[in-house]
Amino acid sequence: MKSFVTVNSAGYIDMWSNQKVEGFAEVETSENNINLINVCKVENGKVILDEKRQKEIISNQRAEKTELEKLREELLLTQEALAALFESNLG
């Protein structure tokens, strides 16, 4: 399938288009790779998925979600402690 892309300084695709746009290079790609950002490179006019990089990005996103979940739990515990403190001061 024909598509048009730009690449960033690291060589990874950072923008896609289905029509010719100034500054975009024409490439051949599979449907599976269309619109993937920062995980595909262009080699000899063909889009190649960097599976290792994709797995690293997914892993990092999961780690960030886990960290966010921990922060939410801490916030909830803090809110519960504050509510208990207010109740004891009022009662």
Protein backbone atom coordinates (compact mmCIF):
# COMPACT_ATOMS: atom_id res chain seq x y z
CA MET A 1 0.00 0.00 0.00
CA LYS A 2 1.32 3.45 -0.93
CA SER A 3 1.58 6.15 1.71
CA PHE A 4 3.58 9.30 2.45
CA VAL A 5 5.68 9.98 5.55
CA THR A 6 8.18 12.24 7.25
CA VAL A 7 10.91 11.00 9.57
CA ASN A 8 12.44 12.56 12.68
CA SER A 9 16.14 13.07 13.42
CA ALA A 10 16.37 9.51 14.82
CA GLY A 11 15.09 8.14 11.51
CA TYR A 12 11.66 7.07 12.77
CA ILE A 13 8.42 7.98 11.01
CA ASP A 14 6.75 10.86 12.80
CA MET A 15 3.93 11.80 10.39
CA TRP A 16 1.74 9.95 7.89
CA SER A 17 -0.43 11.07 4.98
CA ASN A 18 -2.51 9.21 2.43
CA GLN A 19 -1.79 11.88 -0.18
CA LYS A 20 1.32 13.59 -1.52
CA VAL A 21 2.25 16.55 0.67
CA GLU A 22 5.32 18.75 0.30
CA GLY A 23 8.15 17.38 2.43
CA PHE A 24 6.66 13.88 2.66
CA ALA A 25 8.35 10.87 1.06
CA GLU A 26 6.41 8.17 -0.78
CA VAL A 27 6.72 4.71 0.78
CA GLU A 28 5.26 1.22 0.54
CA THR A 29 3.77 -0.14 3.75
CA SER A 30 1.46 -2.79 5.11
CA GLU A 31 -1.86 -1.75 6.63
CA ASN A 32 -0.59 -2.90 10.03
CA ASN A 33 2.09 -0.21 10.10
CA ILE A 34 0.00 2.76 8.97
CA ASN A 35 -0.16 5.56 11.55
CA LEU A 36 2.42 3.98 13.86
CA ILE A 37 4.58 6.84 15.15
CA ASN A 38 8.20 6.57 16.34
CA VAL A 39 8.45 2.80 15.82
CA CYS A 40 8.87 2.48 12.04
CA LYS A 41 11.76 3.38 9.77
CA VAL A 42 12.01 3.62 5.99
CA GLU A 43 14.48 1.32 4.24
CA ASN A 44 14.70 1.35 0.44
CA GLY A 45 11.28 2.99 0.19
CA LYS A 46 9.58 0.41 2.42
CA VAL A 47 8.30 0.87 5.96
CA ILE A 48 9.95 -1.45 8.47
CA LEU A 49 8.55 -1.91 11.99
CA ASP A 50 11.19 -1.83 14.74
CA GLU A 51 9.55 -4.43 17.01
CA LYS A 52 12.15 -4.04 19.76
CA ARG A 53 11.51 -0.28 19.97
CA GLN A 54 7.74 -0.86 19.91
CA LYS A 55 7.99 -3.31 22.84
CA GLU A 56 10.17 -0.85 24.78
CA ILE A 57 7.66 1.96 24.30
CA ILE A 58 4.75 -0.28 25.34
CA SER A 59 6.71 -1.44 28.39
CA ASN A 60 7.49 2.16 29.38
CA GLN A 61 3.83 3.12 29.02
CA ARG A 62 2.82 0.23 31.29
CA ALA A 63 5.40 1.32 33.87
CA GLU A 64 4.02 4.86 33.75
CA LYS A 65 0.48 3.54 34.26
CA THR A 66 1.65 1.49 37.23
CA GLU A 67 3.30 4.57 38.74
CA LEU A 68 0.10 6.56 38.18
CA GLU A 69 -1.93 3.83 39.89
CA LYS A 70 0.41 3.99 42.92
CA LEU A 71 -0.02 7.76 43.11
CA ARG A 72 -3.80 7.41 42.94
CA GLU A 73 -3.74 4.89 45.81
CA GLU A 74 -1.56 7.21 47.90
CA LEU A 75 -3.91 10.12 47.19
CA LEU A 76 -6.92 8.04 48.20
CA LEU A 77 -5.24 7.00 51.47
CA THR A 78 -4.36 10.63 52.19
CA GLN A 79 -7.95 11.70 51.55
CA GLU A 80 -9.25 8.98 53.88
CA ALA A 81 -6.77 10.01 56.59
CA LEU A 82 -7.79 13.67 56.26
CA ALA A 83 -11.48 12.76 56.44
CA ALA A 84 -10.84 10.73 59.61
CA LEU A 85 -8.85 13.62 61.11
CA PHE A 86 -11.64 16.12 60.39
CA GLU A 87 -14.23 13.76 61.90
CA SER A 88 -12.20 13.31 65.08
CA ASN A 89 -11.75 17.09 65.45
CA LEU A 90 -15.45 17.75 64.92
CA GLY A 91 -16.67 14.94 67.16
